[in-house]
Amino acid sequence: MDGRSFASRFFGDESGATALEYSLIVAGIGLAMFGATSLVGDAVVAIFQDIAAKLGSFEF
């Protein structure tokens, strides 16, 4: 087996490139979701704590 032919086939093969691109897109979406939830998370917790406090003082 010739070293140059192996190297040219190895670096010329783009069959795994699509999977890598999709994995980078999914990783980017995951980071965006993490950032959004960390920014909005405190506000959502405050809303639910306010609702819980109002329900806790409610008498039947």
PDB file of N, CA and C in Angstrom:
ATOM      1  N   MET A   1       0.852  -1.179   0.000  1.00  0.00           N
ATOM      2  CA  MET A   1       0.000   0.000   0.000  1.00  0.00           C
ATOM      3  C   MET A   1       0.891   1.233   0.000  1.00  0.00           C
ATOM      4  N   ASP A   2       0.650   2.090  -0.899  1.00  0.00           N
ATOM      5  CA  ASP A   2       1.438   3.315  -1.038  1.00  0.00           C
ATOM      6  C   ASP A   2       0.964   4.342  -0.010  1.00  0.00           C
ATOM      7  N   GLY A   3       1.879   4.996   0.658  1.00  0.00           N
ATOM      8  CA  GLY A   3       1.549   5.975   1.688  1.00  0.00           C
ATOM      9  C   GLY A   3       0.809   7.172   1.138  1.00  0.00           C
ATOM     10  N   ARG A   4       1.173   7.593  -0.060  1.00  0.00           N
ATOM     11  CA  ARG A   4       0.494   8.756  -0.635  1.00  0.00           C
ATOM     12  C   ARG A   4      -0.937   8.424  -1.041  1.00  0.00           C
ATOM     13  N   SER A   5      -1.158   7.238  -1.544  1.00  0.00           N
ATOM     14  CA  SER A   5      -2.521   6.898  -1.950  1.00  0.00           C
ATOM     15  C   SER A   5      -3.426   6.758  -0.716  1.00  0.00           C
ATOM     16  N   PHE A   6      -2.878   6.223   0.382  1.00  0.00           N
ATOM     17  CA  PHE A   6      -3.670   6.137   1.618  1.00  0.00           C
ATOM     18  C   PHE A   6      -3.996   7.537   2.124  1.00  0.00           C
ATOM     19  N   ALA A   7      -3.006   8.417   2.142  1.00  0.00           N
ATOM     20  CA  ALA A   7      -3.218   9.775   2.640  1.00  0.00           C
ATOM     21  C   ALA A   7      -4.199  10.530   1.752  1.00  0.00           C
ATOM     22  N   SER A   8      -4.093  10.359   0.457  1.00  0.00           N
ATOM     23  CA  SER A   8      -5.011  11.073  -0.430  1.00  0.00           C
ATOM     24  C   SER A   8      -6.434  10.536  -0.284  1.00  0.00           C
ATOM     25  N   ARG A   9      -6.578   9.232  -0.076  1.00  0.00           N
ATOM     26  CA  ARG A   9      -7.920   8.691   0.149  1.00  0.00           C
ATOM     27  C   ARG A   9      -8.467   9.127   1.499  1.00  0.00           C
ATOM     28  N   PHE A  10      -7.608   9.148   2.511  1.00  0.00           N
ATOM     29  CA  PHE A  10      -8.038   9.516   3.858  1.00  0.00           C
ATOM     30  C   PHE A  10      -8.499  10.975   3.910  1.00  0.00           C
ATOM     31  N   PHE A  11      -7.692  11.875   3.372  1.00  0.00           N
ATOM     32  CA  PHE A  11      -8.043  13.290   3.435  1.00  0.00           C
ATOM     33  C   PHE A  11      -9.070  13.687   2.378  1.00  0.00           C
ATOM     34  N   GLY A  12      -9.232  12.881   1.355  1.00  0.00           N
ATOM     35  CA  GLY A  12     -10.227  13.162   0.333  1.00  0.00           C
ATOM     36  C   GLY A  12     -11.600  12.629   0.664  1.00  0.00           C
ATOM     37  N   ASP A  13     -11.682  11.745   1.660  1.00  0.00           N
ATOM     38  CA  ASP A  13     -12.965  11.156   2.046  1.00  0.00           C
ATOM     39  C   ASP A  13     -13.750  12.157   2.884  1.00  0.00           C
ATOM     40  N   GLU A  14     -14.918  12.556   2.415  1.00  0.00           N
ATOM     41  CA  GLU A  14     -15.747  13.526   3.124  1.00  0.00           C
ATOM     42  C   GLU A  14     -17.045  12.907   3.633  1.00  0.00           C
ATOM     43  N   SER A  15     -17.087  11.602   3.769  1.00  0.00           N
ATOM     44  CA  SER A  15     -18.325  10.943   4.161  1.00  0.00           C
ATOM     45  C   SER A  15     -18.722  11.267   5.602  1.00  0.00           C
ATOM     46  N   GLY A  16     -17.786  11.506   6.483  1.00  0.00           N
ATOM     47  CA  GLY A  16     -18.109  11.827   7.870  1.00  0.00           C
ATOM     48  C   GLY A  16     -18.287  13.311   8.120  1.00  0.00           C
ATOM     49  N   ALA A  17     -18.085  14.134   7.111  1.00  0.00           N
ATOM     50  CA  ALA A  17     -18.176  15.582   7.303  1.00  0.00           C
ATOM     51  C   ALA A  17     -19.585  16.015   7.664  1.00  0.00           C
ATOM     52  N   THR A  18     -20.583  15.403   7.084  1.00  0.00           N
ATOM     53  CA  THR A  18     -21.959  15.795   7.368  1.00  0.00           C
ATOM     54  C   THR A  18     -22.316  15.505   8.816  1.00  0.00           C
ATOM     55  N   ALA A  19     -21.919  14.359   9.323  1.00  0.00           N
ATOM     56  CA  ALA A  19     -22.200  14.026  10.721  1.00  0.00           C
ATOM     57  C   ALA A  19     -21.518  15.020  11.660  1.00  0.00           C
ATOM     58  N   LEU A  20     -20.316  15.403  11.337  1.00  0.00           N
ATOM     59  CA  LEU A  20     -19.599  16.377  12.158  1.00  0.00           C
ATOM     60  C   LEU A  20     -20.301  17.728  12.129  1.00  0.00           C
ATOM     61  N   GLU A  21     -20.755  18.140  10.976  1.00  0.00           N
ATOM     62  CA  GLU A  21     -21.455  19.414  10.875  1.00  0.00           C
ATOM     63  C   GLU A  21     -22.747  19.398  11.680  1.00  0.00           C
ATOM     64  N   TYR A  22     -23.508  18.301  11.584  1.00  0.00           N
ATOM     65  CA  TYR A  22     -24.740  18.206  12.358  1.00  0.00           C
ATOM     66  C   TYR A  22     -24.453  18.191  13.855  1.00  0.00           C
ATOM     67  N   SER A  23     -23.386  17.532  14.263  1.00  0.00           N
ATOM     68  CA  SER A  23     -23.065  17.506  15.688  1.00  0.00           C
ATOM     69  C   SER A  23     -22.671  18.897  16.182  1.00  0.00           C
ATOM     70  N   LEU A  24     -21.998  19.678  15.358  1.00  0.00           N
ATOM     71  CA  LEU A  24     -21.659  21.048  15.757  1.00  0.00           C
ATOM     72  C   LEU A  24     -22.909  21.918  15.841  1.00  0.00           C
ATOM     73  N   ILE A  25     -23.856  21.706  14.943  1.00  0.00           N
ATOM     74  CA  ILE A  25     -25.115  22.455  14.997  1.00  0.00           C
ATOM     75  C   ILE A  25     -25.882  22.108  16.266  1.00  0.00           C
ATOM     76  N   VAL A  26     -25.959  20.817  16.592  1.00  0.00           N
ATOM     77  CA  VAL A  26     -26.666  20.388  17.805  1.00  0.00           C
ATOM     78  C   VAL A  26     -25.974  20.946  19.048  1.00  0.00           C
ATOM     79  N   ALA A  27     -24.658  20.963  19.059  1.00  0.00           N
ATOM     80  CA  ALA A  27     -23.930  21.517  20.199  1.00  0.00           C
ATOM     81  C   ALA A  27     -24.217  23.013  20.339  1.00  0.00           C
ATOM     82  N   GLY A  28     -24.281  23.727  19.229  1.00  0.00           N
ATOM     83  CA  GLY A  28     -24.597  25.158  19.265  1.00  0.00           C
ATOM     84  C   GLY A  28     -26.003  25.419  19.776  1.00  0.00           C
ATOM     85  N   ILE A  29     -26.953  24.606  19.351  1.00  0.00           N
ATOM     86  CA  ILE A  29     -28.326  24.747  19.828  1.00  0.00           C
ATOM     87  C   ILE A  29     -28.391  24.467  21.327  1.00  0.00           C
ATOM     88  N   GLY A  30     -27.657  23.459  21.775  1.00  0.00           N
ATOM     89  CA  GLY A  30     -27.622  23.141  23.199  1.00  0.00           C
ATOM     90  C   GLY A  30     -27.054  24.283  24.031  1.00  0.00           C
ATOM     91  N   LEU A  31     -25.997  24.895  23.539  1.00  0.00           N
ATOM     92  CA  LEU A  31     -25.420  26.036  24.259  1.00  0.00           C
ATOM     93  C   LEU A  31     -26.389  27.214  24.298  1.00  0.00           C
ATOM     94  N   ALA A  32     -27.098  27.443  23.205  1.00  0.00           N
ATOM     95  CA  ALA A  32     -28.078  28.527  23.172  1.00  0.00           C
ATOM     96  C   ALA A  32     -29.213  28.261  24.155  1.00  0.00           C
ATOM     97  N   MET A  33     -29.664  27.015  24.219  1.00  0.00           N
ATOM     98  CA  MET A  33     -30.737  26.671  25.165  1.00  0.00           C
ATOM     99  C   MET A  33     -30.268  26.831  26.607  1.00  0.00           C
ATOM    100  N   PHE A  34     -29.039  26.424  26.882  1.00  0.00           N
ATOM    101  CA  PHE A  34     -28.491  26.572  28.233  1.00  0.00           C
ATOM    102  C   PHE A  34     -28.402  28.044  28.606  1.00  0.00           C
ATOM    103  N   GLY A  35     -27.918  28.866  27.683  1.00  0.00           N
ATOM    104  CA  GLY A  35     -27.807  30.293  27.954  1.00  0.00           C
ATOM    105  C   GLY A  35     -29.155  30.946  28.176  1.00  0.00           C
ATOM    106  N   ALA A  36     -30.136  30.564  27.379  1.00  0.00           N
ATOM    107  CA  ALA A  36     -31.471  31.153  27.518  1.00  0.00           C
ATOM    108  C   ALA A  36     -32.111  30.761  28.844  1.00  0.00           C
ATOM    109  N   THR A  37     -31.975  29.513  29.230  1.00  0.00           N
ATOM    110  CA  THR A  37     -32.585  29.083  30.494  1.00  0.00           C
ATOM    111  C   THR A  37     -31.871  29.686  31.697  1.00  0.00           C
ATOM    112  N   SER A  38     -30.579  29.906  31.591  1.00  0.00           N
ATOM    113  CA  SER A  38     -29.884  30.514  32.718  1.00  0.00           C
ATOM    114  C   SER A  38     -30.241  31.995  32.847  1.00  0.00           C
ATOM    115  N   LEU A  39     -30.556  32.653  31.729  1.00  0.00           N
ATOM    116  CA  LEU A  39     -30.953  34.054  31.798  1.00  0.00           C
ATOM    117  C   LEU A  39     -32.390  34.209  32.298  1.00  0.00           C
ATOM    118  N   VAL A  40     -33.270  33.328  31.893  1.00  0.00           N
ATOM    119  CA  VAL A  40     -34.686  33.440  32.221  1.00  0.00           C
ATOM    120  C   VAL A  40     -35.030  32.667  33.491  1.00  0.00           C
ATOM    121  N   GLY A  41     -34.169  31.781  33.916  1.00  0.00           N
ATOM    122  CA  GLY A  41     -34.471  30.888  35.026  1.00  0.00           C
ATOM    123  C   GLY A  41     -34.855  31.581  36.314  1.00  0.00           C
ATOM    124  N   ASP A  42     -34.130  32.620  36.688  1.00  0.00           N
ATOM    125  CA  ASP A  42     -34.423  33.315  37.945  1.00  0.00           C
ATOM    126  C   ASP A  42     -35.800  33.974  37.908  1.00  0.00           C
ATOM    127  N   ALA A  43     -36.173  34.518  36.772  1.00  0.00           N
ATOM    128  CA  ALA A  43     -37.486  35.155  36.650  1.00  0.00           C
ATOM    129  C   ALA A  43     -38.598  34.122  36.762  1.00  0.00           C
ATOM    130  N   VAL A  44     -38.410  32.964  36.170  1.00  0.00           N
ATOM    131  CA  VAL A  44     -39.424  31.907  36.237  1.00  0.00           C
ATOM    132  C   VAL A  44     -39.549  31.390  37.662  1.00  0.00           C
ATOM    133  N   VAL A  45     -38.445  31.228  38.348  1.00  0.00           N
ATOM    134  CA  VAL A  45     -38.485  30.787  39.749  1.00  0.00           C
ATOM    135  C   VAL A  45     -39.233  31.808  40.595  1.00  0.00           C
ATOM    136  N   ALA A  46     -39.009  33.082  40.366  1.00  0.00           N
ATOM    137  CA  ALA A  46     -39.698  34.120  41.130  1.00  0.00           C
ATOM    138  C   ALA A  46     -41.201  34.082  40.875  1.00  0.00           C
ATOM    139  N   ILE A  47     -41.592  33.833  39.637  1.00  0.00           N
ATOM    140  CA  ILE A  47     -43.025  33.751  39.307  1.00  0.00           C
ATOM    141  C   ILE A  47     -43.671  32.587  40.052  1.00  0.00           C
ATOM    142  N   PHE A  48     -43.039  31.427  40.019  1.00  0.00           N
ATOM    143  CA  PHE A  48     -43.616  30.264  40.689  1.00  0.00           C
ATOM    144  C   PHE A  48     -43.607  30.412  42.210  1.00  0.00           C
ATOM    145  N   GLN A  49     -42.598  31.066  42.759  1.00  0.00           N
ATOM    146  CA  GLN A  49     -42.583  31.309  44.199  1.00  0.00           C
ATOM    147  C   GLN A  49     -43.706  32.264  44.601  1.00  0.00           C
ATOM    148  N   ASP A  50     -43.973  33.245  43.758  1.00  0.00           N
ATOM    149  CA  ASP A  50     -45.072  34.171  44.028  1.00  0.00           C
ATOM    150  C   ASP A  50     -46.411  33.440  43.982  1.00  0.00           C
ATOM    151  N   ILE A  51     -46.592  32.576  42.999  1.00  0.00           N
ATOM    152  CA  ILE A  51     -47.827  31.792  42.895  1.00  0.00           C
ATOM    153  C   ILE A  51     -47.975  30.873  44.099  1.00  0.00           C
ATOM    154  N   ALA A  52     -46.891  30.222  44.496  1.00  0.00           N
ATOM    155  CA  ALA A  52     -46.938  29.320  45.648  1.00  0.00           C
ATOM    156  C   ALA A  52     -47.263  30.081  46.927  1.00  0.00           C
ATOM    157  N   ALA A  53     -46.726  31.277  47.067  1.00  0.00           N
ATOM    158  CA  ALA A  53     -47.012  32.074  48.262  1.00  0.00           C
ATOM    159  C   ALA A  53     -48.479  32.481  48.298  1.00  0.00           C
ATOM    160  N   LYS A  54     -49.029  32.841  47.134  1.00  0.00           N
ATOM    161  CA  LYS A  54     -50.441  33.221  47.087  1.00  0.00           C
ATOM    162  C   LYS A  54     -51.347  32.020  47.340  1.00  0.00           C
ATOM    163  N   LEU A  55     -50.991  30.866  46.837  1.00  0.00           N
ATOM    164  CA  LEU A  55     -51.784  29.658  47.061  1.00  0.00           C
ATOM    165  C   LEU A  55     -51.646  29.188  48.501  1.00  0.00           C
ATOM    166  N   GLY A  56     -50.500  29.391  49.096  1.00  0.00           N
ATOM    167  CA  GLY A  56     -50.274  28.975  50.479  1.00  0.00           C
ATOM    168  C   GLY A  56     -51.107  29.769  51.449  1.00  0.00           C
ATOM    169  N   SER A  57     -51.385  31.021  51.131  1.00  0.00           N
ATOM    170  CA  SER A  57     -52.192  31.852  52.028  1.00  0.00           C
ATOM    171  C   SER A  57     -53.683  31.746  51.718  1.00  0.00           C
ATOM    172  N   PHE A  58     -54.022  30.976  50.727  1.00  0.00           N
ATOM    173  CA  PHE A  58     -55.423  30.796  50.347  1.00  0.00           C
ATOM    174  C   PHE A  58     -56.092  29.821  51.293  1.00  0.00           C
ATOM    175  N   GLU A  59     -57.264  30.206  51.814  1.00  0.00           N
ATOM    176  CA  GLU A  59     -57.989  29.334  52.730  1.00  0.00           C
ATOM    177  C   GLU A  59     -59.229  28.808  52.047  1.00  0.00           C
ATOM    178  N   PHE A  60     -59.529  27.539  52.288  1.00  0.00           N
ATOM    179  CA  PHE A  60     -60.719  26.911  51.693  1.00  0.00           C
ATOM    180  C   PHE A  60     -61.894  27.090  52.578  1.00  0.00           C
TER     181      PHE A  60
END
